[in-house]
C-alpha atoms as a PDB file:
ATOM      1  CA  MET A   1      11.345   6.492  17.200  1.00  0.00           C
ATOM      2  CA  ASP A   2       8.099   5.273  18.173  1.00  0.00           C
ATOM      3  CA  LYS A   3       6.451   2.675  16.006  1.00  0.00           C
ATOM      4  CA  TYR A   4       4.003   5.298  14.514  1.00  0.00           C
ATOM      5  CA  TYR A   5       6.612   7.026  12.951  1.00  0.00           C
ATOM      6  CA  GLU A   6       8.622   4.122  12.109  1.00  0.00           C
ATOM      7  CA  ASP A   7       5.426   2.608  10.199  1.00  0.00           C
ATOM      8  CA  LYS A   8       4.806   6.061   8.586  1.00  0.00           C
ATOM      9  CA  ILE A   9       8.330   5.963   7.092  1.00  0.00           C
ATOM     10  CA  SER A  10       8.321   2.377   6.290  1.00  0.00           C
ATOM     11  CA  MET A  11       5.222   3.010   3.987  1.00  0.00           C
ATOM     12  CA  LYS A  12       6.837   6.175   2.130  1.00  0.00           C
ATOM     13  CA  LEU A  13       9.880   3.666   1.349  1.00  0.00           C
ATOM     14  CA  ASP A  14       7.715   1.459  -0.078  1.00  0.00           C
ATOM     15  CA  ARG A  15       5.937   3.664  -2.064  1.00  0.00           C
ATOM     16  CA  ILE A  16       9.142   5.195  -3.266  1.00  0.00           C
ATOM     17  CA  SER A  17      10.375   1.909  -4.039  1.00  0.00           C
ATOM     18  CA  TRP A  18       7.061   1.002  -6.328  1.00  0.00           C
ATOM     19  CA  TYR A  19       7.256   4.329  -7.873  1.00  0.00           C
ATOM     20  CA  SER A  20      10.721   4.287  -8.787  1.00  0.00           C
ATOM     21  CA  ARG A  21       9.883   0.757 -10.654  1.00  0.00           C
ATOM     22  CA  TYR A  22       7.170   2.527 -12.611  1.00  0.00           C
ATOM     23  CA  VAL A  23       9.499   5.568 -13.645  1.00  0.00           C
ATOM     24  CA  ASP A  24      12.352   2.848 -14.698  1.00  0.00           C
ATOM     25  CA  CYS A  25       9.738   0.731 -16.564  1.00  0.00           C
ATOM     26  CA  PHE A  26       8.123   3.554 -18.594  1.00  0.00           C
ATOM     27  CA  SER A  27      11.405   5.134 -19.417  1.00  0.00           C
ATOM     28  CA  ARG A  28      12.846   2.079 -20.540  1.00  0.00           C
ATOM     29  CA  ILE A  29       9.656   1.453 -22.487  1.00  0.00           C
ATOM     30  CA  LEU A  30      10.335   4.919 -24.155  1.00  0.00           C
ATOM     31  CA  ASN A  31      13.864   4.758 -24.950  1.00  0.00           C
ATOM     32  CA  ASP A  32      13.392   1.509 -26.610  1.00  0.00           C
ATOM     33  CA  TYR A  33      10.482   2.853 -28.788  1.00  0.00           C
ATOM     34  CA  ILE A  34      12.395   6.075 -29.735  1.00  0.00           C
ATOM     35  CA  GLU A  35      15.959   4.016 -30.254  1.00  0.00           C
ATOM     36  CA  ASN A  36      14.164   0.935 -32.470  1.00  0.00           C
ATOM     37  CA  GLY A  37      11.520   3.121 -34.284  1.00  0.00           C
ATOM     38  CA  VAL A  38       8.891   0.334 -33.854  1.00  0.00           C
ATOM     39  CA  SER A  39       6.398   0.351 -36.195  1.00  0.00           C
ATOM     40  CA  ASN A  40       3.393  -1.017 -35.037  1.00  0.00           C
ATOM     41  CA  ILE A  41       3.261   1.937 -32.162  1.00  0.00           C
ATOM     42  CA  SER A  42       0.287   3.811 -32.437  1.00  0.00           C
ATOM     43  CA  PRO A  43       0.677   8.031 -32.716  1.00  0.00           C
ATOM     44  CA  CYS A  44      -0.316   8.148 -29.021  1.00  0.00           C
ATOM     45  CA  ASP A  45       1.505   5.809 -27.253  1.00  0.00           C
ATOM     46  CA  ILE A  46       4.526   7.578 -26.475  1.00  0.00           C
ATOM     47  CA  PRO A  47       2.619  10.621 -25.426  1.00  0.00           C
ATOM     48  CA  ASN A  48       0.665   8.524 -22.970  1.00  0.00           C
ATOM     49  CA  LEU A  49       3.602   6.871 -21.662  1.00  0.00           C
ATOM     50  CA  SER A  50       5.334  10.523 -21.296  1.00  0.00           C
ATOM     51  CA  GLU A  51       2.393  11.341 -19.199  1.00  0.00           C
ATOM     52  CA  LEU A  52       2.812   8.505 -17.294  1.00  0.00           C
ATOM     53  CA  LEU A  53       6.658   8.847 -16.986  1.00  0.00           C
ATOM     54  CA  ALA A  54       5.644  12.536 -16.053  1.00  0.00           C
ATOM     55  CA  GLY A  55       3.135  11.558 -13.286  1.00  0.00           C
ATOM     56  CA  PHE A  56       5.210   9.005 -11.606  1.00  0.00           C
ATOM     57  CA  SER A  57       7.900  10.952 -11.743  1.00  0.00           C
ATOM     58  CA  LYS A  58       6.338  14.010 -10.176  1.00  0.00           C
ATOM     59  CA  ARG A  59       4.930  11.343  -7.464  1.00  0.00           C
ATOM     60  CA  LEU A  60       8.351   9.936  -6.792  1.00  0.00           C
ATOM     61  CA  ASN A  61       9.708  13.432  -6.348  1.00  0.00           C
ATOM     62  CA  ARG A  62       6.762  14.092  -3.555  1.00  0.00           C
ATOM     63  CA  LYS A  63       7.137  11.305  -1.593  1.00  0.00           C
ATOM     64  CA  ILE A  64      10.873  11.529  -1.206  1.00  0.00           C
ATOM     65  CA  ILE A  65      10.650  15.026  -0.234  1.00  0.00           C
ATOM     66  CA  GLU A  66       7.564  14.172   2.361  1.00  0.00           C
ATOM     67  CA  LEU A  67       9.885  11.113   3.598  1.00  0.00           C
ATOM     68  CA  LYS A  68      12.997  13.546   4.019  1.00  0.00           C
ATOM     69  CA  SER A  69      10.973  15.966   6.237  1.00  0.00           C
ATOM     70  CA  ASP A  70       9.571  13.191   8.249  1.00  0.00           C
ATOM     71  CA  TRP A  71      12.884  11.864   8.719  1.00  0.00           C
ATOM     72  CA  GLU A  72      14.534  15.173   9.838  1.00  0.00           C
ATOM     73  CA  PHE A  73      12.130  16.035  12.604  1.00  0.00           C
ATOM     74  CA  ARG A  74      12.078  12.423  14.102  1.00  0.00           C
END
């Protein structure tokens, strides 16, 4: 595999790593709010966090699919 594709795959793995950290963080925050019933959160906190979680999950899924297709054809 040449250097260009190695760098491309490495970049996608880095992004996957970051997006998975974001997804993990937001899901932990949401679960904590749901389990503990924190009373000082505003009504829009959970929907906003859910939207961010969905966005990062979608990006994570897209990057995994891109990486898989790059990996298969190299």
